Amino acid sequence: MEGIQFFSIGVYGRSSDDFFNELTENRIDTFVDIRNRRAVRGSKYAFVNSKRLQNHLKFIGINYLHVIELAPTREIREIQKKADAESNVKKRERDNLEMSFIELYKRMILDNFDIKSFIDLLEKMQSKNVVLFCVELNHQACHRSIVTEEIESKTGLKSIHL
């Protein structure tokens, strides 16, 4: 476990070159997609749509995992969507998560997720530099911040947010 370094990354506001350069510069060897729906609307971010993303990661030598068990459910996402609407904030401009979203995500998702088994899988894959991915640029505006906090609290492994 001590040999694994965790990172997190979002895509909004990045070009394809910036995104993949960030991965290679940080020697990412395992890319963990924690989205439920693995597509982004519009051509600007088409490079992170599942098939294209997986093909490019394979080309640059990065393993890909989809861990749907860490994706928020529709019910959980609706809580954040409602809070964003009430605050008149667009998803791509959000800078934090609603507390009720965080609490429900922890209760419904993280309480049922086996971090030890996840770490064991990464170790079996001989992963060293693992990035958790979702779309929001600011990690505090995304559920991946909750996941990295949980990993830190359960394992002591620190995360770097790219």
N, C-alpha and C. Protein backbone atom coordinates (compact mmCIF):
# COMPACT_ATOMS: atom_id res chain seq x y z
N MET A 1 0.82 -1.20 0.00
CA MET A 1 0.00 0.00 0.00
C MET A 1 0.86 1.26 0.00
N GLU A 2 1.98 1.22 0.69
CA GLU A 2 2.80 2.42 0.79
C GLU A 2 3.42 2.84 -0.53
N GLY A 3 3.41 1.94 -1.52
CA GLY A 3 4.00 2.27 -2.81
C GLY A 3 3.06 2.97 -3.77
N ILE A 4 1.82 3.21 -3.37
CA ILE A 4 0.84 3.83 -4.26
C ILE A 4 0.70 5.31 -3.93
N GLN A 5 0.73 6.14 -4.97
CA GLN A 5 0.46 7.58 -4.85
C GLN A 5 -0.85 7.85 -5.57
N PHE A 6 -1.79 8.51 -4.88
CA PHE A 6 -3.07 8.86 -5.49
C PHE A 6 -3.07 10.28 -5.99
N PHE A 7 -3.74 10.46 -7.12
CA PHE A 7 -3.96 11.77 -7.72
C PHE A 7 -5.45 11.85 -8.06
N SER A 8 -5.91 13.05 -8.35
CA SER A 8 -7.25 13.18 -8.93
C SER A 8 -7.17 14.24 -10.03
N ILE A 9 -8.05 14.10 -11.01
CA ILE A 9 -8.04 15.03 -12.13
C ILE A 9 -9.45 15.20 -12.67
N GLY A 10 -9.72 16.42 -13.12
CA GLY A 10 -10.96 16.74 -13.83
C GLY A 10 -10.60 17.21 -15.23
N VAL A 11 -11.62 17.44 -16.03
CA VAL A 11 -11.36 17.78 -17.43
C VAL A 11 -11.83 19.17 -17.82
N TYR A 12 -12.89 19.68 -17.18
CA TYR A 12 -13.42 20.98 -17.60
C TYR A 12 -12.32 22.03 -17.56
N GLY A 13 -12.25 22.81 -18.64
CA GLY A 13 -11.25 23.87 -18.73
C GLY A 13 -9.90 23.42 -19.28
N ARG A 14 -9.77 22.15 -19.61
CA ARG A 14 -8.51 21.62 -20.14
C ARG A 14 -8.67 21.20 -21.60
N SER A 15 -7.59 21.33 -22.31
CA SER A 15 -7.55 20.79 -23.67
C SER A 15 -7.11 19.34 -23.58
N SER A 16 -7.27 18.63 -24.67
CA SER A 16 -6.83 17.25 -24.73
C SER A 16 -5.33 17.15 -24.43
N ASP A 17 -4.54 18.02 -25.04
CA ASP A 17 -3.09 18.01 -24.81
C ASP A 17 -2.76 18.26 -23.35
N ASP A 18 -3.40 19.27 -22.75
CA ASP A 18 -3.16 19.58 -21.33
C ASP A 18 -3.50 18.40 -20.44
N PHE A 19 -4.63 17.78 -20.72
CA PHE A 19 -5.12 16.67 -19.92
C PHE A 19 -4.14 15.50 -19.95
N PHE A 20 -3.78 15.06 -21.15
CA PHE A 20 -2.90 13.89 -21.26
C PHE A 20 -1.47 14.21 -20.85
N ASN A 21 -1.02 15.45 -21.07
CA ASN A 21 0.31 15.85 -20.59
C ASN A 21 0.38 15.79 -19.07
N GLU A 22 -0.68 16.20 -18.41
CA GLU A 22 -0.73 16.15 -16.94
C GLU A 22 -0.57 14.71 -16.45
N LEU A 23 -1.22 13.79 -17.15
CA LEU A 23 -1.10 12.37 -16.79
C LEU A 23 0.31 11.85 -16.99
N THR A 24 0.88 12.16 -18.13
CA THR A 24 2.23 11.63 -18.41
C THR A 24 3.29 12.31 -17.56
N GLU A 25 3.16 13.60 -17.32
CA GLU A 25 4.13 14.31 -16.48
C GLU A 25 4.15 13.78 -15.05
N ASN A 26 3.02 13.29 -14.59
CA ASN A 26 2.93 12.75 -13.23
C ASN A 26 3.08 11.23 -13.21
N ARG A 27 3.51 10.66 -14.34
CA ARG A 27 3.80 9.24 -14.48
C ARG A 27 2.62 8.36 -14.03
N ILE A 28 1.41 8.79 -14.37
CA ILE A 28 0.21 8.01 -14.04
C ILE A 28 0.29 6.68 -14.78
N ASP A 29 0.09 5.58 -14.04
CA ASP A 29 0.08 4.26 -14.68
C ASP A 29 -1.30 3.61 -14.63
N THR A 30 -2.18 4.14 -13.76
CA THR A 30 -3.53 3.58 -13.65
C THR A 30 -4.54 4.72 -13.56
N PHE A 31 -5.49 4.71 -14.46
CA PHE A 31 -6.52 5.73 -14.58
C PHE A 31 -7.82 5.11 -14.10
N VAL A 32 -8.41 5.67 -13.04
CA VAL A 32 -9.64 5.13 -12.47
C VAL A 32 -10.79 6.10 -12.75
N ASP A 33 -11.66 5.69 -13.62
CA ASP A 33 -12.82 6.48 -14.02
C ASP A 33 -13.94 6.20 -13.02
N ILE A 34 -14.36 7.23 -12.29
CA ILE A 34 -15.39 7.03 -11.26
C ILE A 34 -16.70 7.72 -11.64
N ARG A 35 -16.92 7.84 -12.96
CA ARG A 35 -18.17 8.40 -13.46
C ARG A 35 -19.20 7.29 -13.67
N ASN A 36 -20.44 7.66 -13.57
CA ASN A 36 -21.52 6.74 -13.89
C ASN A 36 -21.72 6.73 -15.41
N ARG A 37 -21.93 7.90 -15.94
CA ARG A 37 -22.10 8.06 -17.39
C ARG A 37 -20.76 8.52 -17.94
N ARG A 38 -20.16 7.73 -18.81
CA ARG A 38 -18.79 8.00 -19.25
C ARG A 38 -18.74 8.74 -20.56
N ALA A 39 -19.54 9.79 -20.65
CA ALA A 39 -19.55 10.64 -21.83
C ALA A 39 -19.76 12.08 -21.38
N VAL A 40 -19.24 13.01 -22.18
CA VAL A 40 -19.42 14.43 -21.92
C VAL A 40 -20.04 15.03 -23.17
N ARG A 41 -21.06 15.86 -23.00
CA ARG A 41 -21.72 16.47 -24.15
C ARG A 41 -20.80 17.45 -24.85
N GLY A 42 -20.92 17.50 -26.15
CA GLY A 42 -20.18 18.47 -26.94
C GLY A 42 -18.84 17.94 -27.41
N SER A 43 -18.34 18.56 -28.45
CA SER A 43 -17.09 18.09 -29.07
C SER A 43 -15.85 18.52 -28.28
N LYS A 44 -15.95 19.58 -27.50
CA LYS A 44 -14.78 20.11 -26.78
C LYS A 44 -14.13 19.07 -25.88
N TYR A 45 -14.95 18.23 -25.25
CA TYR A 45 -14.42 17.23 -24.31
C TYR A 45 -14.65 15.80 -24.79
N ALA A 46 -14.86 15.63 -26.08
CA ALA A 46 -15.10 14.29 -26.63
C ALA A 46 -13.94 13.34 -26.35
N PHE A 47 -12.76 13.86 -26.12
CA PHE A 47 -11.59 13.01 -25.87
C PHE A 47 -11.70 12.23 -24.56
N VAL A 48 -12.63 12.61 -23.67
CA VAL A 48 -12.82 11.83 -22.44
C VAL A 48 -14.08 10.96 -22.49
N ASN A 49 -14.69 10.87 -23.67
CA ASN A 49 -15.77 9.90 -23.82
C ASN A 49 -15.13 8.52 -23.82
N SER A 50 -15.78 7.58 -23.21
CA SER A 50 -15.21 6.29 -22.82
C SER A 50 -14.30 5.63 -23.85
N LYS A 51 -14.79 5.38 -25.03
CA LYS A 51 -13.99 4.64 -26.02
C LYS A 51 -12.74 5.40 -26.44
N ARG A 52 -12.91 6.69 -26.74
CA ARG A 52 -11.75 7.51 -27.13
C ARG A 52 -10.73 7.57 -25.99
N LEU A 53 -11.23 7.79 -24.80
CA LEU A 53 -10.36 7.88 -23.63
C LEU A 53 -9.58 6.58 -23.44
N GLN A 54 -10.29 5.47 -23.44
CA GLN A 54 -9.62 4.18 -23.25
C GLN A 54 -8.59 3.90 -24.34
N ASN A 55 -8.92 4.22 -25.58
CA ASN A 55 -7.99 4.00 -26.67
C ASN A 55 -6.72 4.84 -26.50
N HIS A 56 -6.89 6.11 -26.12
CA HIS A 56 -5.72 6.97 -25.98
C HIS A 56 -4.89 6.56 -24.76
N LEU A 57 -5.54 6.20 -23.68
CA LEU A 57 -4.79 5.74 -22.51
C LEU A 57 -3.97 4.49 -22.84
N LYS A 58 -4.57 3.58 -23.57
CA LYS A 58 -3.86 2.37 -23.97
C LYS A 58 -2.65 2.74 -24.83
N PHE A 59 -2.85 3.67 -25.74
CA PHE A 59 -1.78 4.12 -26.64
C PHE A 59 -0.59 4.70 -25.86
N ILE A 60 -0.88 5.42 -24.76
CA ILE A 60 0.21 6.03 -23.99
C ILE A 60 0.63 5.17 -22.79
N GLY A 61 0.10 3.95 -22.72
CA GLY A 61 0.57 2.99 -21.72
C GLY A 61 0.01 3.15 -20.32
N ILE A 62 -1.23 3.63 -20.23
CA ILE A 62 -1.88 3.80 -18.93
C ILE A 62 -3.04 2.82 -18.83
N ASN A 63 -3.07 2.05 -17.74
CA ASN A 63 -4.18 1.12 -17.49
C ASN A 63 -5.46 1.91 -17.18
N TYR A 64 -6.59 1.36 -17.59
CA TYR A 64 -7.89 1.99 -17.37
C TYR A 64 -8.78 1.07 -16.54
N LEU A 65 -9.37 1.66 -15.51
CA LEU A 65 -10.38 0.95 -14.70
C LEU A 65 -11.63 1.82 -14.60
N HIS A 66 -12.78 1.20 -14.77
CA HIS A 66 -14.03 1.90 -14.49
C HIS A 66 -14.57 1.33 -13.19
N VAL A 67 -14.62 2.18 -12.17
CA VAL A 67 -15.12 1.75 -10.86
C VAL A 67 -16.46 2.45 -10.64
N ILE A 68 -17.49 1.87 -11.24
CA ILE A 68 -18.82 2.47 -11.20
C ILE A 68 -19.38 2.49 -9.78
N GLU A 69 -18.86 1.62 -8.92
CA GLU A 69 -19.33 1.60 -7.53
C GLU A 69 -19.03 2.91 -6.80
N LEU A 70 -18.11 3.71 -7.33
CA LEU A 70 -17.79 5.01 -6.72
C LEU A 70 -18.54 6.17 -7.37
N ALA A 71 -19.35 5.88 -8.37
CA ALA A 71 -20.13 6.93 -9.04
C ALA A 71 -21.38 7.25 -8.22
N PRO A 72 -21.70 8.54 -8.09
CA PRO A 72 -22.94 8.89 -7.38
C PRO A 72 -24.16 8.42 -8.17
N THR A 73 -25.18 8.02 -7.45
CA THR A 73 -26.42 7.60 -8.09
C THR A 73 -27.16 8.83 -8.63
N ARG A 74 -28.17 8.56 -9.43
CA ARG A 74 -29.02 9.65 -9.94
C ARG A 74 -29.62 10.45 -8.77
N GLU A 75 -30.07 9.75 -7.76
CA GLU A 75 -30.66 10.41 -6.58
C GLU A 75 -29.67 11.38 -5.94
N ILE A 76 -28.44 10.94 -5.77
CA ILE A 76 -27.42 11.79 -5.17
C ILE A 76 -27.10 12.98 -6.08
N ARG A 77 -26.96 12.72 -7.38
CA ARG A 77 -26.67 13.81 -8.32
C ARG A 77 -27.78 14.85 -8.34
N GLU A 78 -29.02 14.41 -8.19
CA GLU A 78 -30.15 15.35 -8.19
C GLU A 78 -30.07 16.34 -7.02
N ILE A 79 -29.56 15.90 -5.89
CA ILE A 79 -29.40 16.81 -4.74
C ILE A 79 -28.47 17.95 -5.11
N GLN A 80 -27.34 17.62 -5.75
CA GLN A 80 -26.39 18.67 -6.14
C GLN A 80 -26.97 19.54 -7.24
N LYS A 81 -27.66 18.93 -8.18
CA LYS A 81 -28.27 19.68 -9.28
C LYS A 81 -29.25 20.72 -8.73
N LYS A 82 -30.04 20.31 -7.76
CA LYS A 82 -31.02 21.21 -7.15
C LYS A 82 -30.30 22.35 -6.42
N ALA A 83 -29.26 22.03 -5.67
CA ALA A 83 -28.49 23.06 -4.95
C ALA A 83 -27.85 24.04 -5.93
N ASP A 84 -27.32 23.52 -7.04
CA ASP A 84 -26.73 24.39 -8.06
C ASP A 84 -27.78 25.33 -8.63
N ALA A 85 -28.97 24.80 -8.90
CA ALA A 85 -30.04 25.63 -9.46
C ALA A 85 -30.47 26.71 -8.47
N GLU A 86 -30.59 26.35 -7.20
CA GLU A 86 -30.97 27.32 -6.18
C GLU A 86 -29.93 28.42 -6.01
N SER A 87 -28.67 28.07 -6.22
CA SER A 87 -27.57 29.04 -6.11
C SER A 87 -27.27 29.72 -7.44
N ASN A 88 -27.99 29.32 -8.49
CA ASN A 88 -27.78 29.84 -9.83
C ASN A 88 -26.32 29.66 -10.28
N VAL A 89 -25.80 28.45 -10.03
CA VAL A 89 -24.42 28.10 -10.39
C VAL A 89 -24.46 26.98 -11.41
N LYS A 90 -23.70 27.14 -12.48
CA LYS A 90 -23.60 26.08 -13.47
C LYS A 90 -22.65 25.01 -12.97
N LYS A 91 -22.91 23.76 -13.36
CA LYS A 91 -22.09 22.63 -12.92
C LYS A 91 -20.61 22.88 -13.17
N ARG A 92 -20.28 23.42 -14.32
CA ARG A 92 -18.88 23.64 -14.69
C ARG A 92 -18.25 24.79 -13.91
N GLU A 93 -19.07 25.57 -13.21
CA GLU A 93 -18.55 26.71 -12.46
C GLU A 93 -18.64 26.50 -10.95
N ARG A 94 -19.16 25.37 -10.54
CA ARG A 94 -19.31 25.06 -9.12
C ARG A 94 -17.93 24.97 -8.45
N ASP A 95 -17.84 25.44 -7.19
CA ASP A 95 -16.56 25.33 -6.50
C ASP A 95 -16.61 24.50 -5.23
N ASN A 96 -17.80 24.00 -4.90
CA ASN A 96 -17.90 23.09 -3.75
C ASN A 96 -19.17 22.25 -3.88
N LEU A 97 -19.28 21.28 -2.99
CA LEU A 97 -20.43 20.38 -2.99
C LEU A 97 -21.38 20.71 -1.85
N GLU A 98 -22.64 20.49 -2.09
CA GLU A 98 -23.68 20.65 -1.08
C GLU A 98 -23.46 19.63 0.03
N MET A 99 -23.58 20.04 1.28
CA MET A 99 -23.35 19.14 2.42
C MET A 99 -24.28 17.92 2.37
N SER A 100 -25.53 18.10 1.94
CA SER A 100 -26.43 16.95 1.86
C SER A 100 -25.97 15.96 0.79
N PHE A 101 -25.36 16.45 -0.28
CA PHE A 101 -24.77 15.57 -1.30
C PHE A 101 -23.66 14.75 -0.66
N ILE A 102 -22.76 15.41 0.05
CA ILE A 102 -21.61 14.74 0.68
C ILE A 102 -22.09 13.67 1.66
N GLU A 103 -23.03 14.02 2.51
CA GLU A 103 -23.53 13.07 3.51
C GLU A 103 -24.18 11.86 2.87
N LEU A 104 -25.03 12.09 1.86
CA LEU A 104 -25.71 10.98 1.20
C LEU A 104 -24.71 10.13 0.41
N TYR A 105 -23.74 10.76 -0.24
CA TYR A 105 -22.72 10.02 -0.97
C TYR A 105 -21.94 9.10 -0.02
N LYS A 106 -21.56 9.64 1.12
CA LYS A 106 -20.81 8.83 2.09
C LYS A 106 -21.66 7.65 2.56
N ARG A 107 -22.92 7.92 2.87
CA ARG A 107 -23.80 6.87 3.40
C ARG A 107 -24.15 5.81 2.35
N MET A 108 -24.49 6.25 1.14
CA MET A 108 -24.95 5.31 0.12
C MET A 108 -23.82 4.66 -0.67
N ILE A 109 -22.71 5.37 -0.83
CA ILE A 109 -21.63 4.87 -1.69
C ILE A 109 -20.43 4.40 -0.86
N LEU A 110 -19.82 5.30 -0.15
CA LEU A 110 -18.58 4.95 0.55
C LEU A 110 -18.77 3.94 1.67
N ASP A 111 -19.90 4.01 2.37
CA ASP A 111 -20.14 3.03 3.44
C ASP A 111 -20.24 1.60 2.89
N ASN A 112 -20.52 1.48 1.59
CA ASN A 112 -20.67 0.17 0.96
C ASN A 112 -19.49 -0.20 0.06
N PHE A 113 -18.46 0.64 0.05
CA PHE A 113 -17.31 0.41 -0.82
C PHE A 113 -16.14 -0.12 0.00
N ASP A 114 -15.52 -1.18 -0.49
CA ASP A 114 -14.41 -1.80 0.23
C ASP A 114 -13.08 -1.23 -0.29
N ILE A 115 -12.59 -0.23 0.42
CA ILE A 115 -11.34 0.43 0.01
C ILE A 115 -10.17 -0.54 0.06
N LYS A 116 -10.15 -1.42 1.04
CA LYS A 116 -9.05 -2.39 1.14
C LYS A 116 -8.99 -3.26 -0.11
N SER A 117 -10.12 -3.76 -0.58
CA SER A 117 -10.15 -4.57 -1.80
C SER A 117 -9.71 -3.75 -3.01
N PHE A 118 -10.09 -2.50 -3.04
CA PHE A 118 -9.70 -1.60 -4.12
C PHE A 118 -8.17 -1.44 -4.14
N ILE A 119 -7.60 -1.18 -2.98
CA ILE A 119 -6.15 -1.04 -2.86
C ILE A 119 -5.46 -2.36 -3.23
N ASP A 120 -6.03 -3.47 -2.77
CA ASP A 120 -5.47 -4.78 -3.11
C ASP A 120 -5.43 -4.99 -4.63
N LEU A 121 -6.51 -4.62 -5.31
CA LEU A 121 -6.56 -4.73 -6.77
C LEU A 121 -5.46 -3.89 -7.42
N LEU A 122 -5.30 -2.66 -6.94
CA LEU A 122 -4.27 -1.78 -7.49
C LEU A 122 -2.88 -2.36 -7.26
N GLU A 123 -2.67 -2.95 -6.10
CA GLU A 123 -1.38 -3.58 -5.81
C GLU A 123 -1.13 -4.77 -6.73
N LYS A 124 -2.17 -5.59 -6.96
CA LYS A 124 -2.03 -6.73 -7.88
C LYS A 124 -1.69 -6.26 -9.28
N MET A 125 -2.19 -5.09 -9.66
CA MET A 125 -1.90 -4.51 -10.97
C MET A 125 -0.52 -3.85 -10.98
N GLN A 126 0.14 -3.80 -9.84
CA GLN A 126 1.43 -3.14 -9.67
C GLN A 126 1.35 -1.65 -9.97
N SER A 127 0.22 -1.05 -9.62
CA SER A 127 0.02 0.38 -9.82
C SER A 127 0.86 1.17 -8.83
N LYS A 128 1.42 2.24 -9.30
CA LYS A 128 2.22 3.13 -8.45
C LYS A 128 1.61 4.53 -8.38
N ASN A 129 1.18 5.05 -9.52
CA ASN A 129 0.61 6.39 -9.61
C ASN A 129 -0.80 6.28 -10.19
N VAL A 130 -1.78 6.42 -9.31
CA VAL A 130 -3.18 6.17 -9.64
C VAL A 130 -3.94 7.48 -9.64
N VAL A 131 -4.66 7.76 -10.72
CA VAL A 131 -5.47 8.97 -10.77
C VAL A 131 -6.95 8.60 -10.77
N LEU A 132 -7.72 9.31 -9.95
CA LEU A 132 -9.18 9.20 -9.94
C LEU A 132 -9.72 10.31 -10.84
N PHE A 133 -10.64 9.95 -11.72
CA PHE A 133 -11.13 10.89 -12.71
C PHE A 133 -12.63 11.07 -12.67
N CYS A 134 -13.03 12.34 -12.72
CA CYS A 134 -14.39 12.76 -13.03
C CYS A 134 -14.25 14.10 -13.75
N VAL A 135 -15.33 14.75 -14.10
CA VAL A 135 -15.24 15.86 -15.03
C VAL A 135 -14.92 17.23 -14.42
N GLU A 136 -15.40 17.53 -13.23
CA GLU A 136 -15.21 18.86 -12.68
C GLU A 136 -13.73 19.17 -12.51
N LEU A 137 -13.32 20.38 -12.88
CA LEU A 137 -11.91 20.75 -12.77
C LEU A 137 -11.50 20.87 -11.30
N ASN A 138 -12.30 21.55 -10.51
CA ASN A 138 -12.01 21.75 -9.09
C ASN A 138 -12.41 20.49 -8.33
N HIS A 139 -11.47 19.85 -7.69
CA HIS A 139 -11.78 18.60 -6.99
C HIS A 139 -12.78 18.80 -5.85
N GLN A 140 -12.84 19.98 -5.26
CA GLN A 140 -13.79 20.24 -4.19
C GLN A 140 -15.23 20.32 -4.70
N ALA A 141 -15.40 20.45 -6.00
CA ALA A 141 -16.72 20.51 -6.62
C ALA A 141 -17.15 19.16 -7.15
N CYS A 142 -16.40 18.11 -6.78
CA CYS A 142 -16.61 16.79 -7.36
C CYS A 142 -16.54 15.71 -6.29
N HIS A 143 -17.25 14.62 -6.52
CA HIS A 143 -17.25 13.52 -5.56
C HIS A 143 -15.89 12.86 -5.40
N ARG A 144 -14.98 13.09 -6.35
CA ARG A 144 -13.65 12.48 -6.18
C ARG A 144 -12.93 13.04 -4.97
N SER A 145 -13.27 14.27 -4.55
CA SER A 145 -12.67 14.82 -3.33
C SER A 145 -13.12 14.03 -2.10
N ILE A 146 -14.34 13.55 -2.12
CA ILE A 146 -14.85 12.74 -1.01
C ILE A 146 -14.13 11.39 -1.00
N VAL A 147 -13.92 10.84 -2.18
CA VAL A 147 -13.24 9.54 -2.29
C VAL A 147 -11.80 9.67 -1.82
N THR A 148 -11.09 10.71 -2.26
CA THR A 148 -9.69 10.84 -1.85
C THR A 148 -9.58 11.08 -0.35
N GLU A 149 -10.51 11.83 0.23
CA GLU A 149 -10.51 12.03 1.69
C GLU A 149 -10.71 10.70 2.41
N GLU A 150 -11.59 9.88 1.88
CA GLU A 150 -11.85 8.56 2.49
C GLU A 150 -10.61 7.66 2.39
N ILE A 151 -9.97 7.67 1.24
CA ILE A 151 -8.75 6.88 1.07
C ILE A 151 -7.68 7.36 2.05
N GLU A 152 -7.53 8.66 2.16
CA GLU A 152 -6.55 9.22 3.10
C GLU A 152 -6.86 8.80 4.53
N SER A 153 -8.13 8.89 4.92
CA SER A 153 -8.48 8.57 6.31
C SER A 153 -8.34 7.08 6.62
N LYS A 154 -8.60 6.22 5.63
CA LYS A 154 -8.53 4.77 5.86
C LYS A 154 -7.14 4.19 5.68
N THR A 155 -6.30 4.84 4.87
CA THR A 155 -5.00 4.26 4.53
C THR A 155 -3.81 5.13 4.90
N GLY A 156 -4.05 6.41 5.09
CA GLY A 156 -2.94 7.33 5.34
C GLY A 156 -2.26 7.80 4.08
N LEU A 157 -2.70 7.30 2.91
CA LEU A 157 -2.11 7.70 1.63
C LEU A 157 -2.66 9.07 1.25
N LYS A 158 -1.79 9.99 0.96
CA LYS A 158 -2.19 11.35 0.58
C LYS A 158 -2.46 11.42 -0.92
N SER A 159 -3.24 12.41 -1.30
CA SER A 159 -3.60 12.59 -2.70
C SER A 159 -3.13 13.95 -3.19
N ILE A 160 -2.81 13.98 -4.46
CA ILE A 160 -2.45 15.23 -5.13
C ILE A 160 -3.53 15.50 -6.16
N HIS A 161 -4.06 16.71 -6.14
CA HIS A 161 -5.13 17.08 -7.08
C HIS A 161 -4.51 17.87 -8.23
N LEU A 162 -4.60 17.29 -9.41
CA LEU A 162 -3.99 17.90 -10.60
C LEU A 162 -4.92 18.92 -11.22
